[in-house]
Amino acid sequence: MSFPLWLPCSSQPLSPHKNLPLPLSLLSGLIRAVDLQTGLSEFSVLQRRSKHGWNEFSVENTEPIWKKYLDQFKNPLILLLLASALVSVVTKEYEDAASITMAVLIVVTVAFIQVGCAELCSGHGHLREGKLQHLLARELVPGDIIYLSVGDRVPADLRLIEVTDLLVDESSFTGEAEPCNKTEGVVPGLSP
């Protein structure tokens, strides 16, 4: 089941281009200017992107890709397997050591690729020019209509326009152990 959503929802969403809050009056104008049946036109997307930039934060010190790969070896189970490969070398069981080492390299590489894809890929769809398209989260602009399904990551601040039993895990932001129930409509105190 998918739910259509609007971007943005809060009174202080960040403009990815300038890292400044968008004024609430601008947000309400952006939301009213979107046709819920067709979404934004490509021309409108280009205008909004030139004004607001890409949906991403600029990070000064990014971690090198090789370091991210090596971080996968910090998993206790991976360390245990590497220790067993070392024991196999010490006991001159070279075939076992090679098998264990190859298995570790495969598992670490797959985990690294999955983490990288989770950072780049998005499971949601954008409604643009009447077509549901699958694009990267960085391509969102204010006013985009997106559809989320069970398990999708929320790619930006959103205003919900149609919801059925939506629970969102906000533990990384709020520390709450239980998912929060979300409903459509205006959040009191956040809209004009």
N, C-alpha and C. Protein backbone atom coordinates (compact mmCIF):
# COMPACT_ATOMS: atom_id res chain seq x y z
N MET A 1 0.85 -1.18 0.00
CA MET A 1 0.00 0.00 0.00
C MET A 1 0.88 1.23 0.00
N SER A 2 0.59 2.18 -0.86
CA SER A 2 1.36 3.42 -0.98
C SER A 2 0.52 4.59 -0.50
N PHE A 3 1.20 5.60 0.02
CA PHE A 3 0.55 6.79 0.51
C PHE A 3 1.13 7.99 -0.19
N PRO A 4 0.30 8.86 -0.80
CA PRO A 4 0.84 10.08 -1.40
C PRO A 4 1.19 11.09 -0.30
N LEU A 5 2.30 11.75 -0.48
CA LEU A 5 2.77 12.72 0.51
C LEU A 5 3.23 13.97 -0.21
N TRP A 6 3.17 15.07 0.51
CA TRP A 6 3.66 16.35 -0.01
C TRP A 6 4.95 16.72 0.68
N LEU A 7 5.79 17.43 0.00
CA LEU A 7 6.98 18.00 0.59
C LEU A 7 6.77 19.50 0.63
N PRO A 8 7.06 20.19 1.64
CA PRO A 8 7.51 19.87 2.99
C PRO A 8 6.38 20.04 4.00
N CYS A 9 6.62 19.74 5.27
CA CYS A 9 5.53 19.84 6.25
C CYS A 9 5.82 20.77 7.41
N SER A 10 7.05 20.84 7.87
CA SER A 10 7.28 21.61 9.09
C SER A 10 7.43 23.10 8.79
N SER A 11 7.38 23.89 9.84
CA SER A 11 7.52 25.33 9.65
C SER A 11 8.97 25.72 9.43
N GLN A 12 9.90 24.83 9.71
CA GLN A 12 11.30 25.16 9.57
C GLN A 12 12.07 24.11 8.77
N PRO A 13 11.56 23.63 7.62
CA PRO A 13 12.36 22.69 6.85
C PRO A 13 13.58 23.39 6.30
N LEU A 14 14.63 22.64 6.08
CA LEU A 14 15.85 23.24 5.60
C LEU A 14 15.86 23.27 4.08
N SER A 15 16.32 24.38 3.54
CA SER A 15 16.57 24.45 2.11
C SER A 15 17.90 23.75 1.88
N PRO A 16 17.93 22.65 1.11
CA PRO A 16 19.18 21.92 0.93
C PRO A 16 20.25 22.76 0.26
N HIS A 17 19.83 23.72 -0.57
CA HIS A 17 20.78 24.53 -1.30
C HIS A 17 21.50 25.52 -0.39
N LYS A 18 20.78 26.13 0.51
CA LYS A 18 21.34 27.18 1.35
C LYS A 18 21.40 26.80 2.82
N ASN A 19 20.82 25.66 3.18
CA ASN A 19 20.73 25.22 4.58
C ASN A 19 20.08 26.29 5.45
N LEU A 20 19.07 26.96 4.90
CA LEU A 20 18.31 27.96 5.63
C LEU A 20 16.86 27.53 5.67
N PRO A 21 16.12 27.88 6.74
CA PRO A 21 14.70 27.53 6.78
C PRO A 21 13.93 28.22 5.66
N LEU A 22 13.00 27.47 5.05
CA LEU A 22 12.11 28.08 4.06
C LEU A 22 10.99 28.81 4.80
N PRO A 23 10.63 30.02 4.40
CA PRO A 23 9.55 30.74 5.08
C PRO A 23 8.23 29.99 4.92
N LEU A 24 7.40 30.03 5.96
CA LEU A 24 6.13 29.32 5.96
C LEU A 24 5.21 29.82 4.86
N SER A 25 5.24 31.11 4.55
CA SER A 25 4.38 31.64 3.48
C SER A 25 4.78 31.04 2.13
N LEU A 26 6.07 30.84 1.91
CA LEU A 26 6.53 30.22 0.67
C LEU A 26 6.06 28.77 0.59
N LEU A 27 6.12 28.06 1.71
CA LEU A 27 5.71 26.65 1.73
C LEU A 27 4.25 26.49 1.37
N SER A 28 3.39 27.30 1.96
CA SER A 28 1.96 27.16 1.67
C SER A 28 1.68 27.50 0.21
N GLY A 29 2.40 28.44 -0.38
CA GLY A 29 2.24 28.75 -1.79
C GLY A 29 2.70 27.61 -2.68
N LEU A 30 3.79 26.97 -2.31
CA LEU A 30 4.27 25.82 -3.08
C LEU A 30 3.27 24.68 -3.05
N ILE A 31 2.69 24.44 -1.90
CA ILE A 31 1.77 23.33 -1.75
C ILE A 31 0.50 23.57 -2.55
N ARG A 32 -0.04 24.79 -2.51
CA ARG A 32 -1.27 25.09 -3.25
C ARG A 32 -1.06 25.02 -4.76
N ALA A 33 0.15 25.21 -5.23
CA ALA A 33 0.42 25.27 -6.67
C ALA A 33 0.60 23.89 -7.29
N VAL A 34 0.40 22.81 -6.54
CA VAL A 34 0.63 21.46 -7.06
C VAL A 34 -0.70 20.77 -7.33
N ASP A 35 -0.83 20.21 -8.53
CA ASP A 35 -2.01 19.42 -8.88
C ASP A 35 -1.80 18.01 -8.32
N LEU A 36 -2.72 17.57 -7.46
CA LEU A 36 -2.58 16.27 -6.81
C LEU A 36 -2.70 15.10 -7.77
N GLN A 37 -3.29 15.30 -8.93
CA GLN A 37 -3.47 14.21 -9.89
C GLN A 37 -2.25 14.04 -10.81
N THR A 38 -1.53 15.13 -11.08
CA THR A 38 -0.41 15.05 -12.02
C THR A 38 0.94 15.35 -11.40
N GLY A 39 0.97 16.01 -10.25
CA GLY A 39 2.24 16.38 -9.66
C GLY A 39 2.85 17.58 -10.38
N LEU A 40 4.13 17.74 -10.22
CA LEU A 40 4.83 18.87 -10.82
C LEU A 40 5.19 18.59 -12.27
N SER A 41 5.28 19.65 -13.06
CA SER A 41 5.79 19.53 -14.43
C SER A 41 7.31 19.60 -14.37
N GLU A 42 7.96 19.12 -15.41
CA GLU A 42 9.43 19.18 -15.46
C GLU A 42 9.91 20.62 -15.41
N PHE A 43 9.19 21.53 -16.04
CA PHE A 43 9.55 22.94 -16.01
C PHE A 43 9.52 23.47 -14.58
N SER A 44 8.45 23.12 -13.85
CA SER A 44 8.32 23.55 -12.46
C SER A 44 9.43 22.95 -11.59
N VAL A 45 9.78 21.70 -11.85
CA VAL A 45 10.87 21.05 -11.10
C VAL A 45 12.17 21.80 -11.34
N LEU A 46 12.46 22.15 -12.58
CA LEU A 46 13.70 22.88 -12.89
C LEU A 46 13.72 24.25 -12.23
N GLN A 47 12.58 24.95 -12.23
CA GLN A 47 12.51 26.25 -11.56
C GLN A 47 12.79 26.10 -10.07
N ARG A 48 12.13 25.13 -9.44
CA ARG A 48 12.28 24.95 -8.00
C ARG A 48 13.69 24.49 -7.65
N ARG A 49 14.28 23.64 -8.48
CA ARG A 49 15.63 23.17 -8.20
C ARG A 49 16.63 24.32 -8.34
N SER A 50 16.44 25.20 -9.32
CA SER A 50 17.36 26.33 -9.48
C SER A 50 17.25 27.28 -8.29
N LYS A 51 16.04 27.37 -7.72
CA LYS A 51 15.84 28.26 -6.58
C LYS A 51 16.29 27.64 -5.26
N HIS A 52 16.00 26.33 -5.05
CA HIS A 52 16.23 25.70 -3.75
C HIS A 52 17.40 24.73 -3.74
N GLY A 53 17.88 24.31 -4.90
CA GLY A 53 19.00 23.37 -4.96
C GLY A 53 18.54 21.93 -4.81
N TRP A 54 19.50 21.05 -4.66
CA TRP A 54 19.23 19.62 -4.53
C TRP A 54 18.81 19.28 -3.10
N ASN A 55 18.09 18.19 -2.93
CA ASN A 55 17.62 17.73 -1.63
C ASN A 55 18.74 16.95 -0.95
N GLU A 56 19.77 17.67 -0.55
CA GLU A 56 20.89 17.04 0.15
C GLU A 56 21.62 18.09 0.96
N PHE A 57 22.29 17.62 1.97
CA PHE A 57 23.10 18.50 2.80
C PHE A 57 24.53 18.47 2.29
N SER A 58 25.19 19.59 2.35
CA SER A 58 26.61 19.59 1.99
C SER A 58 27.39 19.20 3.24
N VAL A 59 28.22 18.19 3.08
CA VAL A 59 29.00 17.68 4.20
C VAL A 59 30.46 18.01 3.92
N GLU A 60 31.07 18.67 4.86
CA GLU A 60 32.45 19.13 4.68
C GLU A 60 33.44 17.96 4.65
N ASN A 61 33.44 17.15 5.69
CA ASN A 61 34.40 16.05 5.79
C ASN A 61 33.69 14.72 5.58
N THR A 62 33.68 14.26 4.35
CA THR A 62 33.08 12.97 4.09
C THR A 62 34.12 11.88 4.32
N GLU A 63 33.64 10.77 4.83
CA GLU A 63 34.51 9.65 5.11
C GLU A 63 34.90 8.98 3.79
N PRO A 64 36.19 8.67 3.59
CA PRO A 64 36.59 8.01 2.34
C PRO A 64 35.91 6.65 2.19
N ILE A 65 35.70 6.25 0.95
CA ILE A 65 34.99 5.01 0.68
C ILE A 65 35.74 3.80 1.21
N TRP A 66 37.06 3.81 1.19
CA TRP A 66 37.83 2.67 1.68
C TRP A 66 37.65 2.51 3.19
N LYS A 67 37.49 3.65 3.89
CA LYS A 67 37.29 3.57 5.34
C LYS A 67 35.91 3.00 5.66
N LYS A 68 34.90 3.37 4.85
CA LYS A 68 33.57 2.80 5.04
C LYS A 68 33.59 1.29 4.83
N TYR A 69 34.40 0.84 3.84
CA TYR A 69 34.52 -0.59 3.60
C TYR A 69 35.18 -1.29 4.78
N LEU A 70 36.26 -0.71 5.28
CA LEU A 70 36.97 -1.32 6.41
C LEU A 70 36.13 -1.32 7.69
N ASP A 71 35.21 -0.36 7.82
CA ASP A 71 34.33 -0.33 8.99
C ASP A 71 33.43 -1.56 9.06
N GLN A 72 33.19 -2.20 7.92
CA GLN A 72 32.37 -3.41 7.91
C GLN A 72 33.04 -4.54 8.68
N PHE A 73 34.37 -4.49 8.82
CA PHE A 73 35.11 -5.53 9.53
C PHE A 73 35.02 -5.38 11.05
N LYS A 74 34.38 -4.34 11.54
CA LYS A 74 34.24 -4.14 12.99
C LYS A 74 33.12 -4.98 13.60
N ASN A 75 32.34 -5.63 12.76
CA ASN A 75 31.25 -6.49 13.24
C ASN A 75 31.86 -7.65 14.03
N PRO A 76 31.36 -7.93 15.25
CA PRO A 76 31.93 -9.01 16.08
C PRO A 76 31.91 -10.38 15.39
N LEU A 77 30.89 -10.68 14.62
CA LEU A 77 30.84 -11.98 13.94
C LEU A 77 31.92 -12.07 12.86
N ILE A 78 32.17 -10.97 12.17
CA ILE A 78 33.23 -10.94 11.16
C ILE A 78 34.58 -11.12 11.84
N LEU A 79 34.79 -10.46 12.96
CA LEU A 79 36.04 -10.61 13.70
C LEU A 79 36.22 -12.04 14.18
N LEU A 80 35.15 -12.68 14.61
CA LEU A 80 35.21 -14.08 15.05
C LEU A 80 35.60 -14.99 13.88
N LEU A 81 35.02 -14.75 12.72
CA LEU A 81 35.37 -15.55 11.54
C LEU A 81 36.82 -15.33 11.12
N LEU A 82 37.29 -14.10 11.20
CA LEU A 82 38.69 -13.83 10.87
C LEU A 82 39.63 -14.51 11.87
N ALA A 83 39.23 -14.53 13.14
CA ALA A 83 40.04 -15.24 14.15
C ALA A 83 40.08 -16.74 13.85
N SER A 84 38.94 -17.29 13.41
CA SER A 84 38.94 -18.72 13.08
C SER A 84 39.78 -18.99 11.83
N ALA A 85 39.83 -18.06 10.90
CA ALA A 85 40.71 -18.20 9.73
C ALA A 85 42.17 -18.17 10.17
N LEU A 86 42.49 -17.32 11.13
CA LEU A 86 43.85 -17.25 11.66
C LEU A 86 44.23 -18.56 12.35
N VAL A 87 43.31 -19.11 13.14
CA VAL A 87 43.55 -20.39 13.80
C VAL A 87 43.77 -21.48 12.74
N SER A 88 43.03 -21.43 11.65
CA SER A 88 43.21 -22.41 10.58
C SER A 88 44.59 -22.29 9.94
N VAL A 89 45.10 -21.08 9.81
CA VAL A 89 46.44 -20.89 9.26
C VAL A 89 47.48 -21.46 10.22
N VAL A 90 47.30 -21.18 11.52
CA VAL A 90 48.24 -21.66 12.53
C VAL A 90 48.27 -23.19 12.56
N THR A 91 47.11 -23.81 12.38
CA THR A 91 47.04 -25.28 12.40
C THR A 91 47.29 -25.87 11.01
N LYS A 92 47.74 -25.06 10.07
CA LYS A 92 48.10 -25.46 8.71
C LYS A 92 46.92 -26.05 7.93
N GLU A 93 45.73 -25.55 8.22
CA GLU A 93 44.53 -25.89 7.45
C GLU A 93 44.27 -24.75 6.47
N TYR A 94 45.12 -24.67 5.46
CA TYR A 94 45.11 -23.53 4.55
C TYR A 94 43.83 -23.46 3.72
N GLU A 95 43.28 -24.61 3.35
CA GLU A 95 42.03 -24.59 2.57
C GLU A 95 40.88 -24.02 3.39
N ASP A 96 40.82 -24.41 4.67
CA ASP A 96 39.78 -23.86 5.55
C ASP A 96 39.97 -22.36 5.73
N ALA A 97 41.21 -21.93 5.91
CA ALA A 97 41.51 -20.51 6.09
C ALA A 97 41.10 -19.71 4.86
N ALA A 98 41.41 -20.26 3.68
CA ALA A 98 41.05 -19.57 2.44
C ALA A 98 39.53 -19.50 2.28
N SER A 99 38.83 -20.59 2.60
CA SER A 99 37.36 -20.62 2.49
C SER A 99 36.72 -19.61 3.43
N ILE A 100 37.20 -19.56 4.66
CA ILE A 100 36.64 -18.64 5.65
C ILE A 100 36.91 -17.20 5.22
N THR A 101 38.13 -16.93 4.76
CA THR A 101 38.50 -15.58 4.34
C THR A 101 37.67 -15.13 3.14
N MET A 102 37.45 -16.03 2.18
CA MET A 102 36.62 -15.69 1.01
C MET A 102 35.18 -15.41 1.44
N ALA A 103 34.65 -16.23 2.35
CA ALA A 103 33.29 -16.01 2.84
C ALA A 103 33.17 -14.65 3.53
N VAL A 104 34.17 -14.30 4.34
CA VAL A 104 34.16 -13.01 5.02
C VAL A 104 34.20 -11.87 4.01
N LEU A 105 35.05 -11.98 2.99
CA LEU A 105 35.14 -10.93 1.99
C LEU A 105 33.82 -10.77 1.23
N ILE A 106 33.18 -11.88 0.93
CA ILE A 106 31.89 -11.80 0.22
C ILE A 106 30.84 -11.14 1.10
N VAL A 107 30.73 -11.55 2.36
CA VAL A 107 29.74 -10.99 3.28
C VAL A 107 29.99 -9.50 3.50
N VAL A 108 31.24 -9.12 3.71
CA VAL A 108 31.58 -7.71 3.94
C VAL A 108 31.29 -6.87 2.70
N THR A 109 31.60 -7.39 1.53
CA THR A 109 31.36 -6.65 0.29
C THR A 109 29.86 -6.46 0.04
N VAL A 110 29.08 -7.50 0.26
CA VAL A 110 27.63 -7.39 0.09
C VAL A 110 27.05 -6.39 1.08
N ALA A 111 27.48 -6.44 2.34
CA ALA A 111 27.00 -5.49 3.34
C ALA A 111 27.38 -4.06 2.97
N PHE A 112 28.58 -3.86 2.47
CA PHE A 112 29.05 -2.54 2.06
C PHE A 112 28.20 -2.00 0.92
N ILE A 113 27.89 -2.84 -0.06
CA ILE A 113 27.07 -2.42 -1.19
C ILE A 113 25.65 -2.09 -0.73
N GLN A 114 25.10 -2.90 0.19
CA GLN A 114 23.75 -2.63 0.68
C GLN A 114 23.69 -1.31 1.43
N VAL A 115 24.68 -1.02 2.25
CA VAL A 115 24.71 0.25 2.99
C VAL A 115 24.83 1.41 2.01
N GLY A 116 25.69 1.28 1.01
CA GLY A 116 25.85 2.34 0.02
C GLY A 116 24.58 2.57 -0.77
N CYS A 117 23.90 1.50 -1.13
CA CYS A 117 22.65 1.63 -1.88
C CYS A 117 21.56 2.25 -1.01
N ALA A 118 21.53 1.90 0.26
CA ALA A 118 20.53 2.48 1.16
C ALA A 118 20.73 3.98 1.29
N GLU A 119 21.98 4.44 1.23
CA GLU A 119 22.25 5.86 1.32
C GLU A 119 21.86 6.60 0.04
N LEU A 120 21.98 5.94 -1.11
CA LEU A 120 21.73 6.59 -2.39
C LEU A 120 20.35 6.33 -2.95
N CYS A 121 19.87 5.11 -2.80
CA CYS A 121 18.62 4.72 -3.45
C CYS A 121 17.42 5.10 -2.62
N SER A 122 16.31 5.25 -3.28
CA SER A 122 15.08 5.52 -2.57
C SER A 122 14.02 4.54 -3.05
N GLY A 123 13.19 4.09 -2.15
CA GLY A 123 12.15 3.14 -2.51
C GLY A 123 10.84 3.83 -2.86
N HIS A 124 10.78 5.14 -2.76
CA HIS A 124 9.54 5.85 -3.00
C HIS A 124 9.43 6.29 -4.45
N GLY A 125 8.23 6.65 -4.84
CA GLY A 125 7.99 7.14 -6.19
C GLY A 125 7.58 8.60 -6.16
N HIS A 126 7.99 9.33 -7.17
CA HIS A 126 7.59 10.74 -7.35
C HIS A 126 6.47 10.78 -8.39
N LEU A 127 5.47 11.59 -8.14
CA LEU A 127 4.44 11.82 -9.14
C LEU A 127 4.79 13.10 -9.88
N ARG A 128 5.18 12.94 -11.14
CA ARG A 128 5.53 14.10 -11.97
C ARG A 128 4.89 13.94 -13.34
N GLU A 129 4.25 15.01 -13.78
CA GLU A 129 3.57 15.02 -15.07
C GLU A 129 2.63 13.83 -15.24
N GLY A 130 1.96 13.46 -14.14
CA GLY A 130 0.96 12.40 -14.18
C GLY A 130 1.52 11.00 -14.17
N LYS A 131 2.85 10.85 -14.06
CA LYS A 131 3.47 9.53 -14.07
C LYS A 131 4.22 9.29 -12.77
N LEU A 132 4.11 8.07 -12.25
CA LEU A 132 4.85 7.69 -11.05
C LEU A 132 6.25 7.27 -11.48
N GLN A 133 7.25 8.02 -11.03
CA GLN A 133 8.64 7.77 -11.42
C GLN A 133 9.45 7.41 -10.19
N HIS A 134 10.44 6.56 -10.35
CA HIS A 134 11.35 6.22 -9.25
C HIS A 134 12.65 6.98 -9.46
N LEU A 135 12.88 7.95 -8.60
CA LEU A 135 14.05 8.82 -8.69
C LEU A 135 14.80 8.80 -7.37
N LEU A 136 16.00 9.31 -7.37
CA LEU A 136 16.78 9.42 -6.14
C LEU A 136 16.17 10.50 -5.24
N ALA A 137 16.33 10.31 -3.93
CA ALA A 137 15.79 11.25 -2.96
C ALA A 137 16.38 12.65 -3.16
N ARG A 138 17.59 12.75 -3.63
CA ARG A 138 18.23 14.06 -3.82
C ARG A 138 17.54 14.88 -4.89
N GLU A 139 16.72 14.23 -5.74
CA GLU A 139 16.04 14.93 -6.82
C GLU A 139 14.72 15.55 -6.41
N LEU A 140 14.30 15.37 -5.15
CA LEU A 140 13.07 15.99 -4.66
C LEU A 140 13.20 17.51 -4.65
N VAL A 141 12.10 18.18 -4.92
CA VAL A 141 12.04 19.64 -4.79
C VAL A 141 10.81 19.97 -3.95
N PRO A 142 10.76 21.16 -3.34
CA PRO A 142 9.57 21.53 -2.58
C PRO A 142 8.32 21.47 -3.45
N GLY A 143 7.29 20.81 -2.95
CA GLY A 143 6.03 20.66 -3.68
C GLY A 143 5.89 19.33 -4.37
N ASP A 144 6.95 18.51 -4.41
CA ASP A 144 6.85 17.19 -5.03
C ASP A 144 5.83 16.33 -4.29
N ILE A 145 5.12 15.51 -5.02
CA ILE A 145 4.23 14.52 -4.42
C ILE A 145 4.96 13.19 -4.49
N ILE A 146 5.13 12.53 -3.36
CA ILE A 146 5.80 11.24 -3.35
C ILE A 146 4.87 10.20 -2.73
N TYR A 147 5.11 8.97 -3.08
CA TYR A 147 4.37 7.83 -2.56
C TYR A 147 5.33 6.97 -1.76
N LEU A 148 4.92 6.62 -0.54
CA LEU A 148 5.72 5.74 0.30
C LEU A 148 4.97 4.43 0.51
N SER A 149 5.73 3.35 0.59
CA SER A 149 5.17 2.03 0.89
C SER A 149 5.80 1.54 2.19
N VAL A 150 5.31 0.45 2.69
CA VAL A 150 5.82 -0.14 3.92
C VAL A 150 7.33 -0.37 3.79
N GLY A 151 8.10 0.08 4.78
CA GLY A 151 9.53 -0.13 4.80
C GLY A 151 10.35 0.96 4.14
N ASP A 152 9.72 1.89 3.41
CA ASP A 152 10.47 2.96 2.76
C ASP A 152 11.01 3.95 3.78
N ARG A 153 12.14 4.55 3.45
CA ARG A 153 12.68 5.63 4.26
C ARG A 153 12.01 6.93 3.81
N VAL A 154 11.76 7.80 4.76
CA VAL A 154 11.17 9.10 4.43
C VAL A 154 12.31 9.99 3.96
N PRO A 155 12.26 10.47 2.71
CA PRO A 155 13.41 11.17 2.13
C PRO A 155 13.55 12.64 2.49
N ALA A 156 12.53 13.25 3.09
CA ALA A 156 12.58 14.69 3.39
C ALA A 156 11.42 15.03 4.32
N ASP A 157 11.34 16.29 4.73
CA ASP A 157 10.17 16.76 5.46
C ASP A 157 8.97 16.65 4.54
N LEU A 158 7.86 16.15 5.06
CA LEU A 158 6.69 15.91 4.22
C LEU A 158 5.43 16.39 4.89
N ARG A 159 4.46 16.78 4.08
CA ARG A 159 3.10 17.02 4.56
C ARG A 159 2.28 15.87 4.01
N LEU A 160 1.59 15.17 4.90
CA LEU A 160 0.79 14.02 4.49
C LEU A 160 -0.53 14.49 3.92
N ILE A 161 -0.93 13.91 2.79
CA ILE A 161 -2.22 14.28 2.21
C ILE A 161 -3.19 13.10 2.15
N GLU A 162 -2.67 11.88 2.27
CA GLU A 162 -3.54 10.71 2.34
C GLU A 162 -2.79 9.62 3.10
N VAL A 163 -3.39 9.13 4.19
CA VAL A 163 -2.72 8.19 5.07
C VAL A 163 -3.71 7.14 5.54
N THR A 164 -3.24 5.90 5.67
CA THR A 164 -4.01 4.83 6.29
C THR A 164 -3.10 4.10 7.26
N ASP A 165 -3.36 4.25 8.55
CA ASP A 165 -2.59 3.56 9.60
C ASP A 165 -1.08 3.68 9.40
N LEU A 166 -0.57 4.88 9.36
CA LEU A 166 0.85 5.12 9.15
C LEU A 166 1.57 5.26 10.49
N LEU A 167 2.55 4.41 10.71
CA LEU A 167 3.42 4.49 11.87
C LEU A 167 4.83 4.76 11.37
N VAL A 168 5.53 5.70 12.01
CA VAL A 168 6.87 6.08 11.58
C VAL A 168 7.83 5.90 12.75
N ASP A 169 8.93 5.21 12.49
CA ASP A 169 9.97 5.02 13.49
C ASP A 169 10.85 6.27 13.51
N GLU A 170 10.71 7.07 14.55
CA GLU A 170 11.48 8.31 14.69
C GLU A 170 12.56 8.19 15.76
N SER A 171 12.92 6.96 16.11
CA SER A 171 13.83 6.74 17.23
C SER A 171 15.20 7.39 17.02
N SER A 172 15.66 7.48 15.77
CA SER A 172 16.96 8.11 15.54
C SER A 172 16.92 9.61 15.80
N PHE A 173 15.71 10.23 15.73
CA PHE A 173 15.57 11.66 15.99
C PHE A 173 15.18 11.95 17.43
N THR A 174 14.22 11.17 17.94
CA THR A 174 13.62 11.50 19.23
C THR A 174 14.04 10.58 20.37
N GLY A 175 14.54 9.39 20.03
CA GLY A 175 14.91 8.42 21.06
C GLY A 175 13.73 7.61 21.56
N GLU A 176 12.53 7.87 21.02
CA GLU A 176 11.35 7.12 21.43
C GLU A 176 11.47 5.68 20.94
N ALA A 177 11.06 4.74 21.80
CA ALA A 177 11.16 3.32 21.46
C ALA A 177 10.05 2.87 20.53
N GLU A 178 8.89 3.49 20.61
CA GLU A 178 7.73 3.07 19.82
C GLU A 178 7.53 3.97 18.61
N PRO A 179 7.10 3.38 17.47
CA PRO A 179 6.78 4.20 16.30
C PRO A 179 5.64 5.17 16.58
N CYS A 180 5.66 6.32 15.92
CA CYS A 180 4.65 7.37 16.11
C CYS A 180 3.58 7.27 15.03
N ASN A 181 2.33 7.45 15.43
CA ASN A 181 1.21 7.45 14.51
C ASN A 181 1.18 8.79 13.78
N LYS A 182 1.00 8.76 12.45
CA LYS A 182 0.95 9.98 11.66
C LYS A 182 -0.40 10.07 10.95
N THR A 183 -0.90 11.29 10.84
CA THR A 183 -2.18 11.54 10.17
C THR A 183 -2.01 12.66 9.16
N GLU A 184 -2.93 12.72 8.20
CA GLU A 184 -2.86 13.81 7.23
C GLU A 184 -3.41 15.08 7.84
N GLY A 185 -3.19 16.18 7.17
CA GLY A 185 -3.70 17.45 7.62
C GLY A 185 -2.62 18.34 8.17
N VAL A 186 -3.04 19.52 8.54
CA VAL A 186 -2.13 20.54 9.04
C VAL A 186 -1.78 20.24 10.48
N VAL A 187 -0.50 20.36 10.81
CA VAL A 187 -0.04 20.21 12.18
C VAL A 187 -0.32 21.52 12.90
N PRO A 188 -1.06 21.50 14.03
CA PRO A 188 -1.38 22.75 14.73
C PRO A 188 -0.14 23.56 15.07
N GLY A 189 -0.19 24.84 14.76
CA GLY A 189 0.90 25.75 15.09
C GLY A 189 2.00 25.80 14.04
N LEU A 190 1.90 24.98 12.99
CA LEU A 190 2.97 24.97 11.98
C LEU A 190 2.56 25.59 10.66
N SER A 191 1.30 25.88 10.47
CA SER A 191 0.85 26.44 9.20
C SER A 191 0.07 27.73 9.43
N PRO A 192 0.01 28.58 8.40
CA PRO A 192 -0.68 29.85 8.56
C PRO A 192 -2.18 29.67 8.70
